[in-house]
Every structure is written in structure tokens, then in C-alpha cells.
Amino acid sequence: MRQLSVAFVCAVCASVAGCTPHIPLKNPQTGDTVVCKGGSSYGLIGIPGRNIQERCLDDYQKQGYQRLPGSK
């Protein structure tokens, strides 16, 4: 029973921490670079919100940033 509890806690921690890779982006006009990191946000009453990394990517790509070659 204890092993099951530990496994559950580890699984929850991994999902909250986000095991997603960091994605670098670069603005070709200014040369500025940024990194979008993984993770999740949660909305009201425990309903999952948008993924923080997806929101980061969307925001910067709207500003003209592009993913660097080799990033997922």
C-alpha cells in the first residue's frame, strides 16, 4: 500500500512539474531569444487550464519569434 502511495505522489509531481522540454525561440528581426518552459495552469474549481508552454509559444510566435532549428 505504501509503495502505491509513493508511486501516485511521484506521478502527480511529475505531471505538475511538467516533463516537457524547454523550447527556445528567436526573433529574427531583433535577435532576441526566449525559452518557453513546460508546466500546467489550473482554472477555477480544478478544471485544467491551458498549458503554460503552449500559451508562451503562442504569445511569442504572434510577436514574430520562431522556434530555433532542432527544437520540438
PDB file of N, CA and C in Angstrom:
ATOM      1  N   MET A   1       0.824  -1.194   0.000  1.00  0.00           N
ATOM      2  CA  MET A   1       0.000   0.000   0.000  1.00  0.00           C
ATOM      3  C   MET A   1       0.867   1.256   0.000  1.00  0.00           C
ATOM      4  N   ARG A   2       1.936   1.225   0.789  1.00  0.00           N
ATOM      5  CA  ARG A   2       2.806   2.397   0.864  1.00  0.00           C
ATOM      6  C   ARG A   2       3.496   2.642  -0.478  1.00  0.00           C
ATOM      7  N   GLN A   3       3.904   1.562  -1.167  1.00  0.00           N
ATOM      8  CA  GLN A   3       4.558   1.719  -2.457  1.00  0.00           C
ATOM      9  C   GLN A   3       3.609   2.344  -3.482  1.00  0.00           C
ATOM     10  N   LEU A   4       2.343   1.968  -3.404  1.00  0.00           N
ATOM     11  CA  LEU A   4       1.352   2.527  -4.303  1.00  0.00           C
ATOM     12  C   LEU A   4       1.192   4.021  -4.042  1.00  0.00           C
ATOM     13  N   SER A   5       1.166   4.408  -2.784  1.00  0.00           N
ATOM     14  CA  SER A   5       1.038   5.825  -2.429  1.00  0.00           C
ATOM     15  C   SER A   5       2.233   6.625  -2.923  1.00  0.00           C
ATOM     16  N   VAL A   6       3.423   6.086  -2.748  1.00  0.00           N
ATOM     17  CA  VAL A   6       4.636   6.773  -3.205  1.00  0.00           C
ATOM     18  C   VAL A   6       4.613   6.910  -4.722  1.00  0.00           C
ATOM     19  N   ALA A   7       4.213   5.855  -5.424  1.00  0.00           N
ATOM     20  CA  ALA A   7       4.144   5.898  -6.886  1.00  0.00           C
ATOM     21  C   ALA A   7       3.133   6.947  -7.342  1.00  0.00           C
ATOM     22  N   PHE A   8       2.007   7.031  -6.660  1.00  0.00           N
ATOM     23  CA  PHE A   8       0.981   8.013  -7.008  1.00  0.00           C
ATOM     24  C   PHE A   8       1.507   9.431  -6.813  1.00  0.00           C
ATOM     25  N   VAL A   9       2.151   9.680  -5.686  1.00  0.00           N
ATOM     26  CA  VAL A   9       2.700  11.008  -5.410  1.00  0.00           C
ATOM     27  C   VAL A   9       3.741  11.383  -6.456  1.00  0.00           C
ATOM     28  N   CYS A  10       4.593  10.454  -6.826  1.00  0.00           N
ATOM     29  CA  CYS A  10       5.610  10.718  -7.844  1.00  0.00           C
ATOM     30  C   CYS A  10       4.966  11.040  -9.189  1.00  0.00           C
ATOM     31  N   ALA A  11       3.923  10.308  -9.540  1.00  0.00           N
ATOM     32  CA  ALA A  11       3.235  10.551 -10.810  1.00  0.00           C
ATOM     33  C   ALA A  11       2.585  11.925 -10.828  1.00  0.00           C
ATOM     34  N   VAL A  12       1.969  12.307  -9.717  1.00  0.00           N
ATOM     35  CA  VAL A  12       1.328  13.619  -9.632  1.00  0.00           C
ATOM     36  C   VAL A  12       2.383  14.716  -9.709  1.00  0.00           C
ATOM     37  N   CYS A  13       3.486  14.554  -8.999  1.00  0.00           N
ATOM     38  CA  CYS A  13       4.548  15.561  -9.022  1.00  0.00           C
ATOM     39  C   CYS A  13       5.118  15.720 -10.430  1.00  0.00           C
ATOM     40  N   ALA A  14       5.315  14.624 -11.122  1.00  0.00           N
ATOM     41  CA  ALA A  14       5.851  14.686 -12.483  1.00  0.00           C
ATOM     42  C   ALA A  14       4.894  15.399 -13.419  1.00  0.00           C
ATOM     43  N   SER A  15       3.597  15.165 -13.249  1.00  0.00           N
ATOM     44  CA  SER A  15       2.636  15.803 -14.144  1.00  0.00           C
ATOM     45  C   SER A  15       2.509  17.287 -13.841  1.00  0.00           C
ATOM     46  N   VAL A  16       2.614  17.671 -12.588  1.00  0.00           N
ATOM     47  CA  VAL A  16       2.529  19.083 -12.225  1.00  0.00           C
ATOM     48  C   VAL A  16       3.794  19.813 -12.638  1.00  0.00           C
ATOM     49  N   ALA A  17       4.943  19.203 -12.414  1.00  0.00           N
ATOM     50  CA  ALA A  17       6.216  19.840 -12.756  1.00  0.00           C
ATOM     51  C   ALA A  17       6.370  19.974 -14.257  1.00  0.00           C
ATOM     52  N   GLY A  18       5.753  19.086 -14.989  1.00  0.00           N
ATOM     53  CA  GLY A  18       5.822  19.154 -16.441  1.00  0.00           C
ATOM     54  C   GLY A  18       7.129  18.593 -16.958  1.00  0.00           C
ATOM     55  N   CYS A  19       7.061  17.458 -17.581  1.00  0.00           N
ATOM     56  CA  CYS A  19       8.261  16.828 -18.120  1.00  0.00           C
ATOM     57  C   CYS A  19       8.418  17.192 -19.582  1.00  0.00           C
ATOM     58  N   THR A  20       8.108  18.429 -19.914  1.00  0.00           N
ATOM     59  CA  THR A  20       8.220  18.865 -21.293  1.00  0.00           C
ATOM     60  C   THR A  20       9.556  19.559 -21.493  1.00  0.00           C
ATOM     61  N   PRO A  21      10.099  19.463 -22.686  1.00  0.00           N
ATOM     62  CA  PRO A  21      11.383  20.118 -22.942  1.00  0.00           C
ATOM     63  C   PRO A  21      11.216  21.635 -23.003  1.00  0.00           C
ATOM     64  N   HIS A  22      12.284  22.332 -22.733  1.00  0.00           N
ATOM     65  CA  HIS A  22      12.277  23.784 -22.896  1.00  0.00           C
ATOM     66  C   HIS A  22      12.440  24.074 -24.381  1.00  0.00           C
ATOM     67  N   ILE A  23      11.642  24.993 -24.896  1.00  0.00           N
ATOM     68  CA  ILE A  23      11.661  25.290 -26.328  1.00  0.00           C
ATOM     69  C   ILE A  23      12.195  26.710 -26.542  1.00  0.00           C
ATOM     70  N   PRO A  24      13.370  26.829 -27.182  1.00  0.00           N
ATOM     71  CA  PRO A  24      13.932  28.157 -27.448  1.00  0.00           C
ATOM     72  C   PRO A  24      13.326  28.765 -28.713  1.00  0.00           C
ATOM     73  N   LEU A  25      13.126  30.081 -28.660  1.00  0.00           N
ATOM     74  CA  LEU A  25      12.631  30.818 -29.812  1.00  0.00           C
ATOM     75  C   LEU A  25      13.516  32.039 -30.020  1.00  0.00           C
ATOM     76  N   LYS A  26      13.544  32.529 -31.264  1.00  0.00           N
ATOM     77  CA  LYS A  26      14.356  33.694 -31.577  1.00  0.00           C
ATOM     78  C   LYS A  26      13.561  34.637 -32.466  1.00  0.00           C
ATOM     79  N   ASN A  27      13.689  35.923 -32.195  1.00  0.00           N
ATOM     80  CA  ASN A  27      13.079  36.925 -33.052  1.00  0.00           C
ATOM     81  C   ASN A  27      14.096  37.267 -34.132  1.00  0.00           C
ATOM     82  N   PRO A  28      13.816  36.927 -35.398  1.00  0.00           N
ATOM     83  CA  PRO A  28      14.795  37.139 -36.460  1.00  0.00           C
ATOM     84  C   PRO A  28      15.103  38.617 -36.725  1.00  0.00           C
ATOM     85  N   GLN A  29      14.182  39.508 -36.374  1.00  0.00           N
ATOM     86  CA  GLN A  29      14.398  40.932 -36.627  1.00  0.00           C
ATOM     87  C   GLN A  29      15.292  41.577 -35.566  1.00  0.00           C
ATOM     88  N   THR A  30      15.110  41.185 -34.302  1.00  0.00           N
ATOM     89  CA  THR A  30      15.857  41.810 -33.210  1.00  0.00           C
ATOM     90  C   THR A  30      17.017  40.959 -32.708  1.00  0.00           C
ATOM     91  N   GLY A  31      16.956  39.636 -32.978  1.00  0.00           N
ATOM     92  CA  GLY A  31      17.977  38.729 -32.473  1.00  0.00           C
ATOM     93  C   GLY A  31      17.727  38.285 -31.033  1.00  0.00           C
ATOM     94  N   ASP A  32      16.661  38.795 -30.403  1.00  0.00           N
ATOM     95  CA  ASP A  32      16.324  38.400 -29.033  1.00  0.00           C
ATOM     96  C   ASP A  32      15.907  36.939 -28.990  1.00  0.00           C
ATOM     97  N   THR A  33      16.263  36.256 -27.909  1.00  0.00           N
ATOM     98  CA  THR A  33      15.852  34.861 -27.718  1.00  0.00           C
ATOM     99  C   THR A  33      15.097  34.724 -26.409  1.00  0.00           C
ATOM    100  N   VAL A  34      14.194  33.761 -26.379  1.00  0.00           N
ATOM    101  CA  VAL A  34      13.427  33.422 -25.174  1.00  0.00           C
ATOM    102  C   VAL A  34      13.314  31.904 -25.099  1.00  0.00           C
ATOM    103  N   VAL A  35      12.941  31.397 -23.940  1.00  0.00           N
ATOM    104  CA  VAL A  35      12.729  29.965 -23.752  1.00  0.00           C
ATOM    105  C   VAL A  35      11.358  29.758 -23.125  1.00  0.00           C
ATOM    106  N   CYS A  36      10.538  28.931 -23.752  1.00  0.00           N
ATOM    107  CA  CYS A  36       9.233  28.572 -23.188  1.00  0.00           C
ATOM    108  C   CYS A  36       9.396  27.253 -22.446  1.00  0.00           C
ATOM    109  N   LYS A  37       9.088  27.287 -21.151  1.00  0.00           N
ATOM    110  CA  LYS A  37       9.220  26.105 -20.302  1.00  0.00           C
ATOM    111  C   LYS A  37       7.874  25.430 -20.134  1.00  0.00           C
ATOM    112  N   GLY A  38       7.895  24.159 -19.753  1.00  0.00           N
ATOM    113  CA  GLY A  38       6.672  23.387 -19.583  1.00  0.00           C
ATOM    114  C   GLY A  38       5.995  23.646 -18.258  1.00  0.00           C
ATOM    115  N   GLY A  39       4.811  23.080 -18.128  1.00  0.00           N
ATOM    116  CA  GLY A  39       4.023  23.199 -16.912  1.00  0.00           C
ATOM    117  C   GLY A  39       2.567  23.353 -17.256  1.00  0.00           C
ATOM    118  N   SER A  40       1.729  23.293 -16.257  1.00  0.00           N
ATOM    119  CA  SER A  40       0.294  23.424 -16.477  1.00  0.00           C
ATOM    120  C   SER A  40      -0.274  24.460 -15.538  1.00  0.00           C
ATOM    121  N   SER A  41      -1.317  25.118 -15.991  1.00  0.00           N
ATOM    122  CA  SER A  41      -2.048  26.030 -15.132  1.00  0.00           C
ATOM    123  C   SER A  41      -3.405  25.404 -14.858  1.00  0.00           C
ATOM    124  N   TYR A  42      -4.023  25.778 -13.775  1.00  0.00           N
ATOM    125  CA  TYR A  42      -5.335  25.234 -13.444  1.00  0.00           C
ATOM    126  C   TYR A  42      -6.328  26.355 -13.265  1.00  0.00           C
ATOM    127  N   GLY A  43      -7.465  26.190 -13.896  1.00  0.00           N
ATOM    128  CA  GLY A  43      -8.522  27.188 -13.833  1.00  0.00           C
ATOM    129  C   GLY A  43      -9.353  27.029 -12.574  1.00  0.00           C
ATOM    130  N   LEU A  44     -10.535  27.573 -12.597  1.00  0.00           N
ATOM    131  CA  LEU A  44     -11.440  27.537 -11.453  1.00  0.00           C
ATOM    132  C   LEU A  44     -11.919  26.124 -11.162  1.00  0.00           C
ATOM    133  N   ILE A  45     -12.099  25.813  -9.920  1.00  0.00           N
ATOM    134  CA  ILE A  45     -12.667  24.556  -9.441  1.00  0.00           C
ATOM    135  C   ILE A  45     -11.908  23.338  -9.977  1.00  0.00           C
ATOM    136  N   GLY A  46     -10.607  23.470 -10.165  1.00  0.00           N
ATOM    137  CA  GLY A  46      -9.802  22.329 -10.572  1.00  0.00           C
ATOM    138  C   GLY A  46      -9.925  21.930 -12.028  1.00  0.00           C
ATOM    139  N   ILE A  47     -10.566  22.752 -12.840  1.00  0.00           N
ATOM    140  CA  ILE A  47     -10.685  22.447 -14.260  1.00  0.00           C
ATOM    141  C   ILE A  47      -9.363  22.842 -14.927  1.00  0.00           C
ATOM    142  N   PRO A  48      -8.732  21.925 -15.651  1.00  0.00           N
ATOM    143  CA  PRO A  48      -7.440  22.248 -16.258  1.00  0.00           C
ATOM    144  C   PRO A  48      -7.513  23.464 -17.170  1.00  0.00           C
ATOM    145  N   GLY A  49      -6.535  24.342 -17.039  1.00  0.00           N
ATOM    146  CA  GLY A  49      -6.420  25.498 -17.917  1.00  0.00           C
ATOM    147  C   GLY A  49      -5.504  25.173 -19.079  1.00  0.00           C
ATOM    148  N   ARG A  50      -5.178  26.171 -19.859  1.00  0.00           N
ATOM    149  CA  ARG A  50      -4.273  25.949 -20.991  1.00  0.00           C
ATOM    150  C   ARG A  50      -2.876  25.666 -20.483  1.00  0.00           C
ATOM    151  N   ASN A  51      -2.173  24.897 -21.223  1.00  0.00           N
ATOM    152  CA  ASN A  51      -0.796  24.582 -20.903  1.00  0.00           C
ATOM    153  C   ASN A  51       0.025  25.865 -20.977  1.00  0.00           C
ATOM    154  N   ILE A  52       0.822  26.121 -19.951  1.00  0.00           N
ATOM    155  CA  ILE A  52       1.630  27.335 -19.881  1.00  0.00           C
ATOM    156  C   ILE A  52       2.589  27.415 -21.066  1.00  0.00           C
ATOM    157  N   GLN A  53       3.182  26.286 -21.432  1.00  0.00           N
ATOM    158  CA  GLN A  53       4.127  26.291 -22.542  1.00  0.00           C
ATOM    159  C   GLN A  53       3.422  26.634 -23.856  1.00  0.00           C
ATOM    160  N   GLU A  54       2.251  26.085 -24.090  1.00  0.00           N
ATOM    161  CA  GLU A  54       1.501  26.389 -25.311  1.00  0.00           C
ATOM    162  C   GLU A  54       1.171  27.871 -25.376  1.00  0.00           C
ATOM    163  N   ARG A  55       0.760  28.434 -24.240  1.00  0.00           N
ATOM    164  CA  ARG A  55       0.426  29.857 -24.181  1.00  0.00           C
ATOM    165  C   ARG A  55       1.670  30.700 -24.467  1.00  0.00           C
ATOM    166  N   CYS A  56       2.801  30.311 -23.891  1.00  0.00           N
ATOM    167  CA  CYS A  56       4.067  31.008 -24.120  1.00  0.00           C
ATOM    168  C   CYS A  56       4.423  30.993 -25.599  1.00  0.00           C
ATOM    169  N   LEU A  57       4.363  29.803 -26.210  1.00  0.00           N
ATOM    170  CA  LEU A  57       4.691  29.678 -27.631  1.00  0.00           C
ATOM    171  C   LEU A  57       3.771  30.532 -28.489  1.00  0.00           C
ATOM    172  N   ASP A  58       2.471  30.473 -28.216  1.00  0.00           N
ATOM    173  CA  ASP A  58       1.502  31.269 -28.983  1.00  0.00           C
ATOM    174  C   ASP A  58       1.806  32.758 -28.877  1.00  0.00           C
ATOM    175  N   ASP A  59       2.048  33.224 -27.651  1.00  0.00           N
ATOM    176  CA  ASP A  59       2.300  34.652 -27.421  1.00  0.00           C
ATOM    177  C   ASP A  59       3.530  35.137 -28.173  1.00  0.00           C
ATOM    178  N   TYR A  60       4.625  34.402 -28.063  1.00  0.00           N
ATOM    179  CA  TYR A  60       5.858  34.841 -28.722  1.00  0.00           C
ATOM    180  C   TYR A  60       5.796  34.689 -30.238  1.00  0.00           C
ATOM    181  N   GLN A  61       5.148  33.645 -30.734  1.00  0.00           N
ATOM    182  CA  GLN A  61       5.041  33.485 -32.181  1.00  0.00           C
ATOM    183  C   GLN A  61       4.190  34.597 -32.794  1.00  0.00           C
ATOM    184  N   LYS A  62       3.202  35.096 -32.076  1.00  0.00           N
ATOM    185  CA  LYS A  62       2.408  36.235 -32.552  1.00  0.00           C
ATOM    186  C   LYS A  62       3.256  37.494 -32.648  1.00  0.00           C
ATOM    187  N   GLN A  63       4.344  37.541 -31.844  1.00  0.00           N
ATOM    188  CA  GLN A  63       5.248  38.691 -31.855  1.00  0.00           C
ATOM    189  C   GLN A  63       6.377  38.529 -32.875  1.00  0.00           C
ATOM    190  N   GLY A  64       6.358  37.429 -33.654  1.00  0.00           N
ATOM    191  CA  GLY A  64       7.339  37.219 -34.696  1.00  0.00           C
ATOM    192  C   GLY A  64       8.472  36.268 -34.334  1.00  0.00           C
ATOM    193  N   TYR A  65       8.469  35.733 -33.117  1.00  0.00           N
ATOM    194  CA  TYR A  65       9.513  34.781 -32.728  1.00  0.00           C
ATOM    195  C   TYR A  65       9.306  33.459 -33.458  1.00  0.00           C
ATOM    196  N   GLN A  66      10.420  32.772 -33.737  1.00  0.00           N
ATOM    197  CA  GLN A  66      10.363  31.479 -34.408  1.00  0.00           C
ATOM    198  C   GLN A  66      11.159  30.463 -33.590  1.00  0.00           C
ATOM    199  N   ARG A  67      10.701  29.207 -33.624  1.00  0.00           N
ATOM    200  CA  ARG A  67      11.439  28.143 -32.943  1.00  0.00           C
ATOM    201  C   ARG A  67      12.800  27.978 -33.583  1.00  0.00           C
ATOM    202  N   LEU A  68      13.809  27.742 -32.759  1.00  0.00           N
ATOM    203  CA  LEU A  68      15.143  27.502 -33.277  1.00  0.00           C
ATOM    204  C   LEU A  68      15.212  26.104 -33.881  1.00  0.00           C
ATOM    205  N   PRO A  69      16.008  25.935 -34.930  1.00  0.00           N
ATOM    206  CA  PRO A  69      16.133  24.614 -35.546  1.00  0.00           C
ATOM    207  C   PRO A  69      16.537  23.559 -34.522  1.00  0.00           C
ATOM    208  N   GLY A  70      15.924  22.399 -34.626  1.00  0.00           N
ATOM    209  CA  GLY A  70      16.224  21.303 -33.721  1.00  0.00           C
ATOM    210  C   GLY A  70      15.343  21.251 -32.491  1.00  0.00           C
ATOM    211  N   SER A  71      14.542  22.298 -32.252  1.00  0.00           N
ATOM    212  CA  SER A  71      13.630  22.257 -31.098  1.00  0.00           C
ATOM    213  C   SER A  71      12.311  21.635 -31.541  1.00  0.00           C
ATOM    214  N   LYS A  72      11.650  20.963 -30.602  1.00  0.00           N
ATOM    215  CA  LYS A  72      10.405  20.254 -30.921  1.00  0.00           C
ATOM    216  C   LYS A  72       9.248  21.204 -31.041  1.00  0.00           C
TER     217      LYS A  72
END
